[in-house]
Amino acid sequence: MESHIVKIESVEPVTHDVKRFRLEKPSGYKFTPGPGYFIAGGAGITPFVAILRQLYRDNRINGNSLYFSNKTSKDIIYENEFSQMLGENAHFILTREEHPKYTKSRIQRDFLAGQSLDFSRHFYVCGPDKMVEEISGLLAEMGAASDALVFEK
């Protein structure tokens, strides 16, 4: 893995407890965004923001889905943007708040079983260590190939 030293260009608040840091792009840096299911817990959305934006810009967003779990509705970042990009494939899940606009659940076996997932596709998972560990185990048990599971840190 390459490392780069970059300059922080700006820092902006996104929610009550999340800040966005804009960094300069290192010379020669490139990435290819993924296809499939993006499963994020809280700040675990961070690596997926750039990926989903790039897929959208490249007109390759169709067929991708986001499952974004947060404690409460005020913790959801970029909801409007994700909804615009993904439409009905943007799923917002709350774990500690009942809200008529969102599903209250944890991303566990029953939740995943109710989503009609295609286990031949890639799954990108990022969030708290315990969540990533549990979801990766569940996805493997439910039929996802181990080489189709990508974990972000």
N, C-alpha and C. Protein backbone atom coordinates (compact mmCIF):
# COMPACT_ATOMS: atom_id res chain seq x y z
N MET A 1 0.84 -1.17 0.00
CA MET A 1 0.00 0.00 0.00
C MET A 1 0.88 1.23 0.00
N GLU A 2 0.59 2.15 -0.91
CA GLU A 2 1.32 3.40 -0.98
C GLU A 2 0.87 4.35 0.11
N SER A 3 1.77 5.19 0.56
CA SER A 3 1.37 6.26 1.47
C SER A 3 1.70 7.59 0.82
N HIS A 4 0.93 8.59 1.18
CA HIS A 4 1.07 9.92 0.61
C HIS A 4 0.99 10.95 1.73
N ILE A 5 1.76 11.99 1.61
CA ILE A 5 1.64 13.13 2.51
C ILE A 5 0.84 14.18 1.75
N VAL A 6 -0.26 14.62 2.36
CA VAL A 6 -1.14 15.57 1.69
C VAL A 6 -1.44 16.74 2.61
N LYS A 7 -1.89 17.82 2.00
CA LYS A 7 -2.25 19.03 2.74
C LYS A 7 -3.76 19.02 2.99
N ILE A 8 -4.17 19.42 4.19
CA ILE A 8 -5.59 19.59 4.49
C ILE A 8 -6.01 20.93 3.89
N GLU A 9 -7.00 20.88 2.97
CA GLU A 9 -7.45 22.10 2.32
C GLU A 9 -8.57 22.80 3.08
N SER A 10 -9.43 22.01 3.74
CA SER A 10 -10.50 22.61 4.53
C SER A 10 -11.07 21.60 5.51
N VAL A 11 -11.72 22.13 6.55
CA VAL A 11 -12.42 21.32 7.54
C VAL A 11 -13.79 21.96 7.72
N GLU A 12 -14.86 21.15 7.55
CA GLU A 12 -16.22 21.68 7.65
C GLU A 12 -17.08 20.73 8.49
N PRO A 13 -17.98 21.27 9.32
CA PRO A 13 -18.90 20.38 10.05
C PRO A 13 -19.94 19.80 9.09
N VAL A 14 -20.28 18.51 9.30
CA VAL A 14 -21.31 17.84 8.50
C VAL A 14 -22.54 17.57 9.35
N THR A 15 -22.33 17.05 10.56
CA THR A 15 -23.41 16.87 11.54
C THR A 15 -22.88 17.35 12.87
N HIS A 16 -23.65 17.09 13.92
CA HIS A 16 -23.26 17.53 15.25
C HIS A 16 -21.96 16.92 15.73
N ASP A 17 -21.57 15.76 15.17
CA ASP A 17 -20.33 15.14 15.62
C ASP A 17 -19.47 14.57 14.48
N VAL A 18 -19.66 15.07 13.26
CA VAL A 18 -18.87 14.63 12.11
C VAL A 18 -18.33 15.86 11.39
N LYS A 19 -17.05 15.80 11.04
CA LYS A 19 -16.43 16.86 10.25
C LYS A 19 -15.94 16.29 8.93
N ARG A 20 -15.95 17.12 7.89
CA ARG A 20 -15.43 16.72 6.59
C ARG A 20 -14.09 17.41 6.40
N PHE A 21 -13.07 16.60 6.07
CA PHE A 21 -11.75 17.10 5.77
C PHE A 21 -11.53 16.97 4.27
N ARG A 22 -11.24 18.07 3.61
CA ARG A 22 -10.89 18.04 2.18
C ARG A 22 -9.37 18.07 2.10
N LEU A 23 -8.83 17.09 1.38
CA LEU A 23 -7.39 16.97 1.24
C LEU A 23 -7.00 17.20 -0.21
N GLU A 24 -5.78 17.66 -0.42
CA GLU A 24 -5.30 17.76 -1.78
C GLU A 24 -5.11 16.34 -2.33
N LYS A 25 -5.34 16.18 -3.62
CA LYS A 25 -5.17 14.88 -4.26
C LYS A 25 -3.69 14.69 -4.57
N PRO A 26 -3.10 13.59 -4.10
CA PRO A 26 -1.68 13.36 -4.39
C PRO A 26 -1.45 13.18 -5.89
N SER A 27 -0.34 13.67 -6.36
CA SER A 27 0.02 13.54 -7.76
C SER A 27 0.06 12.06 -8.15
N GLY A 28 -0.63 11.74 -9.23
CA GLY A 28 -0.62 10.36 -9.73
C GLY A 28 -1.56 9.40 -9.03
N TYR A 29 -2.31 9.87 -8.03
CA TYR A 29 -3.21 9.00 -7.29
C TYR A 29 -4.46 8.68 -8.13
N LYS A 30 -4.82 7.40 -8.21
CA LYS A 30 -6.02 6.96 -8.92
C LYS A 30 -6.67 5.85 -8.12
N PHE A 31 -8.00 5.75 -8.25
CA PHE A 31 -8.68 4.61 -7.67
C PHE A 31 -9.83 4.22 -8.59
N THR A 32 -10.18 2.94 -8.55
CA THR A 32 -11.30 2.45 -9.35
C THR A 32 -12.41 2.08 -8.38
N PRO A 33 -13.57 2.74 -8.48
CA PRO A 33 -14.65 2.45 -7.54
C PRO A 33 -15.24 1.07 -7.76
N GLY A 34 -15.86 0.42 -6.70
CA GLY A 34 -16.44 -0.90 -6.73
C GLY A 34 -17.89 -0.88 -7.23
N PRO A 35 -18.37 -2.03 -7.60
CA PRO A 35 -19.73 -2.27 -7.87
C PRO A 35 -20.32 -2.94 -6.63
N GLY A 36 -21.79 -3.22 -6.46
CA GLY A 36 -22.37 -4.11 -5.47
C GLY A 36 -23.10 -3.44 -4.34
N TYR A 37 -22.99 -4.04 -3.06
CA TYR A 37 -23.69 -3.60 -1.86
C TYR A 37 -22.69 -2.92 -0.92
N PHE A 38 -23.03 -1.73 -0.50
CA PHE A 38 -22.21 -0.99 0.44
C PHE A 38 -22.93 -0.98 1.78
N ILE A 39 -22.30 -1.55 2.80
CA ILE A 39 -22.91 -1.64 4.13
C ILE A 39 -22.02 -0.84 5.08
N ALA A 40 -22.60 0.24 5.64
CA ALA A 40 -21.81 1.14 6.48
C ALA A 40 -22.48 1.35 7.82
N GLY A 41 -21.68 1.41 8.85
CA GLY A 41 -22.14 1.75 10.19
C GLY A 41 -21.53 3.06 10.61
N GLY A 42 -22.36 4.09 10.79
CA GLY A 42 -21.88 5.38 11.28
C GLY A 42 -20.78 5.97 10.41
N ALA A 43 -19.65 6.30 11.04
CA ALA A 43 -18.53 6.90 10.32
C ALA A 43 -17.92 5.95 9.30
N GLY A 44 -18.35 4.69 9.32
CA GLY A 44 -17.90 3.72 8.32
C GLY A 44 -18.33 4.09 6.91
N ILE A 45 -19.18 5.09 6.78
CA ILE A 45 -19.58 5.57 5.46
C ILE A 45 -18.43 6.28 4.76
N THR A 46 -17.45 6.74 5.51
CA THR A 46 -16.38 7.60 5.00
C THR A 46 -15.73 7.10 3.70
N PRO A 47 -15.22 5.86 3.64
CA PRO A 47 -14.58 5.45 2.39
C PRO A 47 -15.57 5.29 1.23
N PHE A 48 -16.85 5.12 1.54
CA PHE A 48 -17.84 4.91 0.49
C PHE A 48 -18.32 6.20 -0.16
N VAL A 49 -18.14 7.32 0.51
CA VAL A 49 -18.61 8.59 -0.04
C VAL A 49 -17.94 8.85 -1.38
N ALA A 50 -16.62 8.79 -1.43
CA ALA A 50 -15.90 9.05 -2.68
C ALA A 50 -16.20 7.99 -3.73
N ILE A 51 -16.33 6.75 -3.31
CA ILE A 51 -16.64 5.67 -4.26
C ILE A 51 -17.99 5.89 -4.91
N LEU A 52 -19.01 6.15 -4.10
CA LEU A 52 -20.36 6.35 -4.64
C LEU A 52 -20.43 7.60 -5.50
N ARG A 53 -19.76 8.65 -5.10
CA ARG A 53 -19.74 9.87 -5.92
C ARG A 53 -19.10 9.60 -7.28
N GLN A 54 -18.01 8.85 -7.28
CA GLN A 54 -17.33 8.55 -8.54
C GLN A 54 -18.21 7.67 -9.44
N LEU A 55 -18.85 6.66 -8.85
CA LEU A 55 -19.76 5.82 -9.63
C LEU A 55 -20.88 6.65 -10.24
N TYR A 56 -21.39 7.60 -9.48
CA TYR A 56 -22.46 8.47 -9.96
C TYR A 56 -21.97 9.35 -11.11
N ARG A 57 -20.79 9.95 -10.93
CA ARG A 57 -20.22 10.80 -11.99
C ARG A 57 -19.96 10.01 -13.27
N ASP A 58 -19.55 8.75 -13.11
CA ASP A 58 -19.25 7.90 -14.26
C ASP A 58 -20.48 7.22 -14.84
N ASN A 59 -21.66 7.55 -14.28
CA ASN A 59 -22.92 6.94 -14.71
C ASN A 59 -22.89 5.42 -14.55
N ARG A 60 -22.27 4.96 -13.45
CA ARG A 60 -22.17 3.52 -13.16
C ARG A 60 -22.79 3.19 -11.80
N ILE A 61 -23.66 4.06 -11.30
CA ILE A 61 -24.25 3.88 -9.97
C ILE A 61 -25.37 2.85 -9.97
N ASN A 62 -26.04 2.68 -11.12
CA ASN A 62 -27.17 1.73 -11.18
C ASN A 62 -26.72 0.34 -10.79
N GLY A 63 -27.55 -0.33 -10.01
CA GLY A 63 -27.24 -1.68 -9.57
C GLY A 63 -26.51 -1.74 -8.24
N ASN A 64 -26.11 -0.60 -7.72
CA ASN A 64 -25.46 -0.55 -6.41
C ASN A 64 -26.49 -0.19 -5.35
N SER A 65 -26.26 -0.66 -4.13
CA SER A 65 -27.16 -0.38 -3.02
C SER A 65 -26.35 0.02 -1.80
N LEU A 66 -26.91 0.92 -1.02
CA LEU A 66 -26.29 1.37 0.23
C LEU A 66 -27.20 1.04 1.39
N TYR A 67 -26.64 0.39 2.40
CA TYR A 67 -27.31 0.14 3.68
C TYR A 67 -26.48 0.89 4.72
N PHE A 68 -27.05 2.00 5.21
CA PHE A 68 -26.31 2.92 6.07
C PHE A 68 -26.99 2.96 7.43
N SER A 69 -26.32 2.39 8.42
CA SER A 69 -26.86 2.28 9.78
C SER A 69 -26.27 3.37 10.67
N ASN A 70 -27.16 4.01 11.43
CA ASN A 70 -26.76 5.05 12.39
C ASN A 70 -27.58 4.88 13.67
N LYS A 71 -27.10 5.49 14.74
CA LYS A 71 -27.84 5.42 16.00
C LYS A 71 -29.16 6.18 15.90
N THR A 72 -29.10 7.44 15.43
CA THR A 72 -30.30 8.28 15.36
C THR A 72 -30.33 9.01 14.02
N SER A 73 -31.45 9.61 13.71
CA SER A 73 -31.60 10.33 12.44
C SER A 73 -30.64 11.51 12.33
N LYS A 74 -30.30 12.14 13.45
CA LYS A 74 -29.39 13.29 13.37
C LYS A 74 -27.95 12.87 13.07
N ASP A 75 -27.68 11.57 13.12
CA ASP A 75 -26.33 11.07 12.82
C ASP A 75 -26.13 10.77 11.33
N ILE A 76 -27.19 10.77 10.54
CA ILE A 76 -27.09 10.44 9.12
C ILE A 76 -26.44 11.60 8.37
N ILE A 77 -25.36 11.30 7.67
CA ILE A 77 -24.72 12.34 6.85
C ILE A 77 -25.01 12.07 5.37
N TYR A 78 -25.10 13.13 4.61
CA TYR A 78 -25.28 13.08 3.16
C TYR A 78 -26.52 12.30 2.72
N GLU A 79 -27.55 12.31 3.54
CA GLU A 79 -28.77 11.57 3.20
C GLU A 79 -29.36 12.01 1.86
N ASN A 80 -29.50 13.31 1.66
CA ASN A 80 -30.09 13.80 0.41
C ASN A 80 -29.24 13.40 -0.80
N GLU A 81 -27.94 13.51 -0.67
CA GLU A 81 -27.05 13.15 -1.77
C GLU A 81 -27.14 11.66 -2.10
N PHE A 82 -27.10 10.81 -1.06
CA PHE A 82 -27.21 9.37 -1.30
C PHE A 82 -28.56 9.00 -1.91
N SER A 83 -29.62 9.65 -1.43
CA SER A 83 -30.96 9.39 -1.97
C SER A 83 -31.04 9.82 -3.44
N GLN A 84 -30.44 10.95 -3.75
CA GLN A 84 -30.44 11.41 -5.15
C GLN A 84 -29.67 10.45 -6.03
N MET A 85 -28.52 10.00 -5.57
CA MET A 85 -27.68 9.11 -6.38
C MET A 85 -28.28 7.71 -6.54
N LEU A 86 -28.82 7.17 -5.45
CA LEU A 86 -29.21 5.76 -5.43
C LEU A 86 -30.72 5.53 -5.45
N GLY A 87 -31.51 6.58 -5.22
CA GLY A 87 -32.97 6.41 -5.21
C GLY A 87 -33.40 5.40 -4.16
N GLU A 88 -34.23 4.45 -4.57
CA GLU A 88 -34.75 3.45 -3.62
C GLU A 88 -33.69 2.46 -3.16
N ASN A 89 -32.50 2.52 -3.72
CA ASN A 89 -31.41 1.65 -3.28
C ASN A 89 -30.56 2.29 -2.18
N ALA A 90 -31.00 3.42 -1.67
CA ALA A 90 -30.36 4.04 -0.50
C ALA A 90 -31.24 3.70 0.71
N HIS A 91 -30.70 2.89 1.61
CA HIS A 91 -31.45 2.42 2.78
C HIS A 91 -30.81 2.99 4.04
N PHE A 92 -31.61 3.69 4.84
CA PHE A 92 -31.12 4.30 6.07
C PHE A 92 -31.75 3.58 7.24
N ILE A 93 -30.91 3.05 8.12
CA ILE A 93 -31.35 2.21 9.23
C ILE A 93 -30.93 2.88 10.53
N LEU A 94 -31.84 2.91 11.50
CA LEU A 94 -31.53 3.48 12.82
C LEU A 94 -31.55 2.38 13.85
N THR A 95 -30.63 2.45 14.81
CA THR A 95 -30.57 1.43 15.86
C THR A 95 -31.16 1.90 17.19
N ARG A 96 -31.24 3.22 17.41
CA ARG A 96 -31.68 3.72 18.72
C ARG A 96 -32.84 4.70 18.67
N GLU A 97 -33.48 4.81 17.51
CA GLU A 97 -34.57 5.79 17.40
C GLU A 97 -35.67 5.24 16.51
N GLU A 98 -36.91 5.40 16.97
CA GLU A 98 -38.07 5.11 16.13
C GLU A 98 -38.34 6.37 15.32
N HIS A 99 -38.47 6.22 14.01
CA HIS A 99 -38.73 7.37 13.15
C HIS A 99 -39.53 6.87 11.96
N PRO A 100 -40.61 7.54 11.60
CA PRO A 100 -41.47 7.03 10.51
C PRO A 100 -40.77 6.97 9.15
N LYS A 101 -39.72 7.71 8.97
CA LYS A 101 -39.03 7.77 7.68
C LYS A 101 -37.98 6.68 7.50
N TYR A 102 -37.56 6.03 8.59
CA TYR A 102 -36.45 5.09 8.55
C TYR A 102 -36.82 3.75 9.16
N THR A 103 -36.04 2.73 8.81
CA THR A 103 -36.18 1.41 9.41
C THR A 103 -35.43 1.41 10.74
N LYS A 104 -36.07 0.88 11.79
CA LYS A 104 -35.36 0.70 13.07
C LYS A 104 -34.98 -0.76 13.17
N SER A 105 -33.70 -1.02 13.14
CA SER A 105 -33.21 -2.40 13.14
C SER A 105 -31.70 -2.37 13.34
N ARG A 106 -31.16 -3.54 13.44
CA ARG A 106 -29.71 -3.73 13.35
C ARG A 106 -29.49 -4.54 12.08
N ILE A 107 -28.36 -4.38 11.46
CA ILE A 107 -28.08 -5.15 10.26
C ILE A 107 -27.59 -6.53 10.72
N GLN A 108 -28.56 -7.41 10.91
CA GLN A 108 -28.30 -8.77 11.36
C GLN A 108 -28.93 -9.74 10.37
N ARG A 109 -28.89 -11.04 10.68
CA ARG A 109 -29.36 -12.08 9.77
C ARG A 109 -30.78 -11.82 9.26
N ASP A 110 -31.73 -11.55 10.16
CA ASP A 110 -33.12 -11.35 9.73
C ASP A 110 -33.23 -10.15 8.79
N PHE A 111 -32.52 -9.10 9.10
CA PHE A 111 -32.55 -7.92 8.25
C PHE A 111 -32.00 -8.25 6.86
N LEU A 112 -30.81 -8.87 6.82
CA LEU A 112 -30.19 -9.20 5.54
C LEU A 112 -31.04 -10.18 4.73
N ALA A 113 -31.65 -11.14 5.42
CA ALA A 113 -32.49 -12.13 4.73
C ALA A 113 -33.70 -11.48 4.07
N GLY A 114 -34.15 -10.38 4.60
CA GLY A 114 -35.31 -9.69 4.04
C GLY A 114 -34.98 -8.73 2.91
N GLN A 115 -33.73 -8.67 2.48
CA GLN A 115 -33.32 -7.68 1.48
C GLN A 115 -33.19 -8.23 0.06
N SER A 116 -33.43 -9.50 -0.17
CA SER A 116 -33.31 -10.10 -1.52
C SER A 116 -31.94 -9.79 -2.14
N LEU A 117 -30.90 -10.12 -1.40
CA LEU A 117 -29.54 -9.83 -1.85
C LEU A 117 -29.07 -10.86 -2.89
N ASP A 118 -28.27 -10.42 -3.83
CA ASP A 118 -27.66 -11.29 -4.82
C ASP A 118 -26.25 -11.60 -4.33
N PHE A 119 -26.05 -12.82 -3.84
CA PHE A 119 -24.77 -13.16 -3.20
C PHE A 119 -23.64 -13.41 -4.19
N SER A 120 -23.91 -13.25 -5.48
CA SER A 120 -22.83 -13.33 -6.46
C SER A 120 -22.16 -11.97 -6.65
N ARG A 121 -22.73 -10.93 -6.06
CA ARG A 121 -22.18 -9.57 -6.17
C ARG A 121 -21.18 -9.30 -5.05
N HIS A 122 -20.48 -8.19 -5.15
CA HIS A 122 -19.53 -7.79 -4.12
C HIS A 122 -20.24 -7.09 -2.97
N PHE A 123 -19.70 -7.26 -1.79
CA PHE A 123 -20.18 -6.59 -0.58
C PHE A 123 -19.02 -5.80 -0.01
N TYR A 124 -19.25 -4.51 0.22
CA TYR A 124 -18.25 -3.62 0.80
C TYR A 124 -18.77 -3.24 2.18
N VAL A 125 -18.01 -3.54 3.22
CA VAL A 125 -18.47 -3.34 4.59
C VAL A 125 -17.48 -2.48 5.35
N CYS A 126 -17.98 -1.46 6.05
CA CYS A 126 -17.13 -0.63 6.87
C CYS A 126 -17.94 -0.08 8.04
N GLY A 127 -17.36 -0.12 9.22
CA GLY A 127 -18.02 0.37 10.42
C GLY A 127 -17.22 -0.05 11.63
N PRO A 128 -17.86 -0.04 12.79
CA PRO A 128 -17.17 -0.50 14.00
C PRO A 128 -16.70 -1.95 13.82
N ASP A 129 -15.57 -2.28 14.40
CA ASP A 129 -14.97 -3.61 14.23
C ASP A 129 -15.96 -4.75 14.49
N LYS A 130 -16.72 -4.65 15.57
CA LYS A 130 -17.67 -5.72 15.91
C LYS A 130 -18.72 -5.88 14.82
N MET A 131 -19.23 -4.78 14.31
CA MET A 131 -20.23 -4.82 13.24
C MET A 131 -19.65 -5.48 11.99
N VAL A 132 -18.46 -5.07 11.59
CA VAL A 132 -17.82 -5.62 10.39
C VAL A 132 -17.61 -7.12 10.56
N GLU A 133 -17.14 -7.53 11.72
CA GLU A 133 -16.92 -8.95 11.98
C GLU A 133 -18.21 -9.75 11.90
N GLU A 134 -19.27 -9.25 12.54
CA GLU A 134 -20.56 -9.95 12.53
C GLU A 134 -21.15 -10.03 11.12
N ILE A 135 -21.14 -8.92 10.41
CA ILE A 135 -21.74 -8.90 9.07
C ILE A 135 -20.94 -9.76 8.11
N SER A 136 -19.63 -9.72 8.21
CA SER A 136 -18.82 -10.55 7.30
C SER A 136 -19.12 -12.03 7.52
N GLY A 137 -19.25 -12.43 8.78
CA GLY A 137 -19.59 -13.82 9.08
C GLY A 137 -20.96 -14.20 8.54
N LEU A 138 -21.93 -13.32 8.76
CA LEU A 138 -23.29 -13.57 8.26
C LEU A 138 -23.34 -13.68 6.74
N LEU A 139 -22.69 -12.75 6.06
CA LEU A 139 -22.70 -12.77 4.60
C LEU A 139 -22.06 -14.05 4.07
N ALA A 140 -20.97 -14.49 4.69
CA ALA A 140 -20.33 -15.73 4.27
C ALA A 140 -21.27 -16.92 4.51
N GLU A 141 -21.91 -16.97 5.68
CA GLU A 141 -22.86 -18.05 5.98
C GLU A 141 -24.04 -18.06 5.01
N MET A 142 -24.44 -16.88 4.55
CA MET A 142 -25.61 -16.76 3.69
C MET A 142 -25.27 -16.99 2.21
N GLY A 143 -23.99 -17.17 1.89
CA GLY A 143 -23.63 -17.51 0.52
C GLY A 143 -22.73 -16.57 -0.22
N ALA A 144 -22.28 -15.48 0.40
CA ALA A 144 -21.35 -14.58 -0.29
C ALA A 144 -19.98 -15.23 -0.36
N ALA A 145 -19.37 -15.16 -1.52
CA ALA A 145 -18.02 -15.71 -1.69
C ALA A 145 -17.02 -14.87 -0.92
N SER A 146 -16.04 -15.52 -0.31
CA SER A 146 -15.08 -14.77 0.50
C SER A 146 -14.32 -13.74 -0.31
N ASP A 147 -14.09 -14.00 -1.60
CA ASP A 147 -13.38 -13.00 -2.42
C ASP A 147 -14.29 -11.88 -2.88
N ALA A 148 -15.58 -11.97 -2.55
CA ALA A 148 -16.53 -10.90 -2.89
C ALA A 148 -16.81 -10.01 -1.69
N LEU A 149 -16.15 -10.26 -0.57
CA LEU A 149 -16.32 -9.46 0.65
C LEU A 149 -15.11 -8.53 0.78
N VAL A 150 -15.38 -7.23 0.80
CA VAL A 150 -14.31 -6.23 0.89
C VAL A 150 -14.56 -5.41 2.15
N PHE A 151 -13.55 -5.33 2.99
CA PHE A 151 -13.69 -4.60 4.25
C PHE A 151 -12.80 -3.38 4.21
N GLU A 152 -13.39 -2.23 4.51
CA GLU A 152 -12.66 -0.97 4.51
C GLU A 152 -12.31 -0.61 5.94
N LYS A 153 -11.20 0.08 6.11
CA LYS A 153 -10.78 0.53 7.44
C LYS A 153 -10.67 2.02 7.46
